[in-house]
């Protein structure tokens, strides 16, 4: 039986928790690839772009041990890695403000 070849693209980003040093890697493509990598009959490739910053480091560290082909994640030093400033209510629920999202790197992506 041959393996399924799966490519996840393009949203790789980080949730940054306001007022802390907490960075949580995510984005639709990253989350999908990470989940799919746990199945032995799937070859997973993650295709996307990150900046050269602490968000990219957190993302790459988080997937370093996963069985994902990371050779198609490009570094674009002109932009910050896509990120979403995440706020917490007193009860711990997440919320976002209108200007929370910084996805300029994805607005200008060239695959």
Protein backbone atom coordinates (compact mmCIF):
# COMPACT_ATOMS: atom_id res chain seq x y z
CA UNK A 1 0.00 0.00 0.00
CA UNK A 2 1.45 3.37 -0.99
CA UNK A 3 1.39 6.37 1.29
CA UNK A 4 -0.93 9.32 0.80
CA UNK A 5 1.01 12.47 -0.12
CA UNK A 6 -0.42 15.51 1.60
CA UNK A 7 0.68 19.14 1.28
CA UNK A 8 -0.58 21.72 3.76
CA UNK A 9 -0.40 25.40 2.82
CA UNK A 10 -0.02 28.39 3.34
CA UNK A 11 -0.99 29.74 6.78
CA UNK A 12 1.76 29.28 9.32
CA UNK A 13 1.46 31.76 12.16
CA UNK A 14 1.86 32.32 15.89
CA UNK A 15 -0.56 33.33 18.61
CA UNK A 16 1.23 35.82 20.85
CA UNK A 17 -0.30 36.25 24.29
CA UNK A 18 -0.41 39.91 25.27
CA UNK A 19 1.62 40.82 28.34
CA UNK A 20 3.56 37.55 28.40
CA UNK A 21 6.32 35.70 26.58
CA UNK A 22 3.90 32.95 25.49
CA UNK A 23 4.00 32.13 21.77
CA UNK A 24 1.79 29.32 20.46
CA UNK A 25 2.49 28.12 16.91
CA UNK A 26 -0.55 27.56 14.74
CA UNK A 27 -2.40 28.49 11.60
CA UNK A 28 -4.61 26.24 9.51
CA UNK A 29 -1.79 24.69 7.50
CA UNK A 30 0.48 24.11 10.48
CA UNK A 31 -2.27 22.63 12.64
CA UNK A 32 -3.44 20.36 9.81
CA UNK A 33 0.10 19.18 9.00
CA UNK A 34 0.92 18.52 12.66
CA UNK A 35 -2.21 16.41 13.09
CA UNK A 36 -1.75 14.51 9.82
CA UNK A 37 1.91 13.75 10.64
CA UNK A 38 0.81 11.32 13.34
CA UNK A 39 -0.65 8.91 10.75
CA UNK A 40 1.92 6.41 9.47
CA UNK A 41 0.30 6.10 6.03
CA UNK A 42 0.58 9.83 5.19
CA UNK A 43 3.64 11.72 3.90
CA UNK A 44 3.15 15.33 4.98
CA UNK A 45 4.74 18.40 3.41
CA UNK A 46 4.26 21.85 4.92
CA UNK A 47 4.54 24.67 2.43
CA UNK A 48 4.60 28.29 3.54
CA UNK A 49 6.65 31.28 4.59
CA UNK A 50 7.95 32.68 7.87
CA UNK A 51 10.08 35.65 8.78
CA UNK A 52 13.42 35.51 10.56
CA UNK A 53 12.25 36.21 14.11
CA UNK A 54 11.30 34.67 17.45
CA UNK A 55 7.90 33.64 16.08
CA UNK A 56 9.52 31.62 13.30
CA UNK A 57 11.91 30.05 15.82
CA UNK A 58 9.00 28.99 18.04
CA UNK A 59 7.16 27.55 15.04
CA UNK A 60 10.13 25.61 13.71
CA UNK A 61 11.02 24.32 17.19
CA UNK A 62 7.45 23.11 17.70
CA UNK A 63 7.49 20.98 14.55
CA UNK A 64 11.13 19.90 14.62
CA UNK A 65 10.35 16.39 15.87
CA UNK A 66 7.24 15.86 13.77
CA UNK A 67 7.39 13.71 10.65
CA UNK A 68 6.80 16.64 8.29
CA UNK A 69 8.81 17.66 5.22
CA UNK A 70 9.81 21.22 6.15
CA UNK A 71 11.99 21.86 3.08
CA UNK A 72 9.33 24.05 1.48
CA UNK A 73 9.00 26.55 4.32
CA UNK A 74 10.64 29.68 2.97
CA UNK A 75 12.18 32.44 5.09
CA UNK A 76 11.36 35.97 3.96
CA UNK A 77 13.39 38.43 6.04
CA UNK A 78 11.42 41.42 4.70
CA UNK A 79 8.40 40.62 6.87
CA UNK A 80 7.57 39.46 10.37
CA UNK A 81 6.16 35.94 10.68
CA UNK A 82 2.36 36.07 10.62
CA UNK A 83 1.07 36.51 14.15
CA UNK A 84 -2.09 37.17 16.07
CA UNK A 85 -1.96 39.18 19.32
CA UNK A 86 -4.13 37.19 21.69
CA UNK A 87 -5.81 38.72 24.73
CA UNK A 88 -7.34 36.90 27.67
CA UNK A 89 -10.40 37.80 29.70
CA UNK A 90 -10.25 37.47 33.48
CA UNK A 91 -11.87 34.05 33.14
CA UNK A 92 -9.22 32.92 30.62
CA UNK A 93 -11.21 33.14 27.38
CA UNK A 94 -9.28 34.32 24.32
CA UNK A 95 -10.29 37.35 22.32
CA UNK A 96 -8.83 39.46 19.55
CA UNK A 97 -8.95 43.15 18.76
CA UNK A 98 -9.50 44.56 15.28
CA UNK A 99 -5.77 45.17 14.87
CA UNK A 100 -4.58 41.86 16.43
CA UNK A 101 -3.65 40.17 13.13
CA UNK A 102 -0.32 40.85 11.41
CA UNK A 103 -0.35 38.76 8.25
CA UNK A 104 1.52 41.02 5.86
CA UNK A 105 3.93 38.21 5.02
CA UNK A 106 0.99 36.13 3.80
CA UNK A 107 -0.48 39.04 1.83
CA UNK A 108 2.72 39.06 -0.20
CA UNK A 109 3.45 35.33 -0.36
CA UNK A 110 5.03 33.88 -3.47
CA UNK A 111 4.89 30.11 -3.47
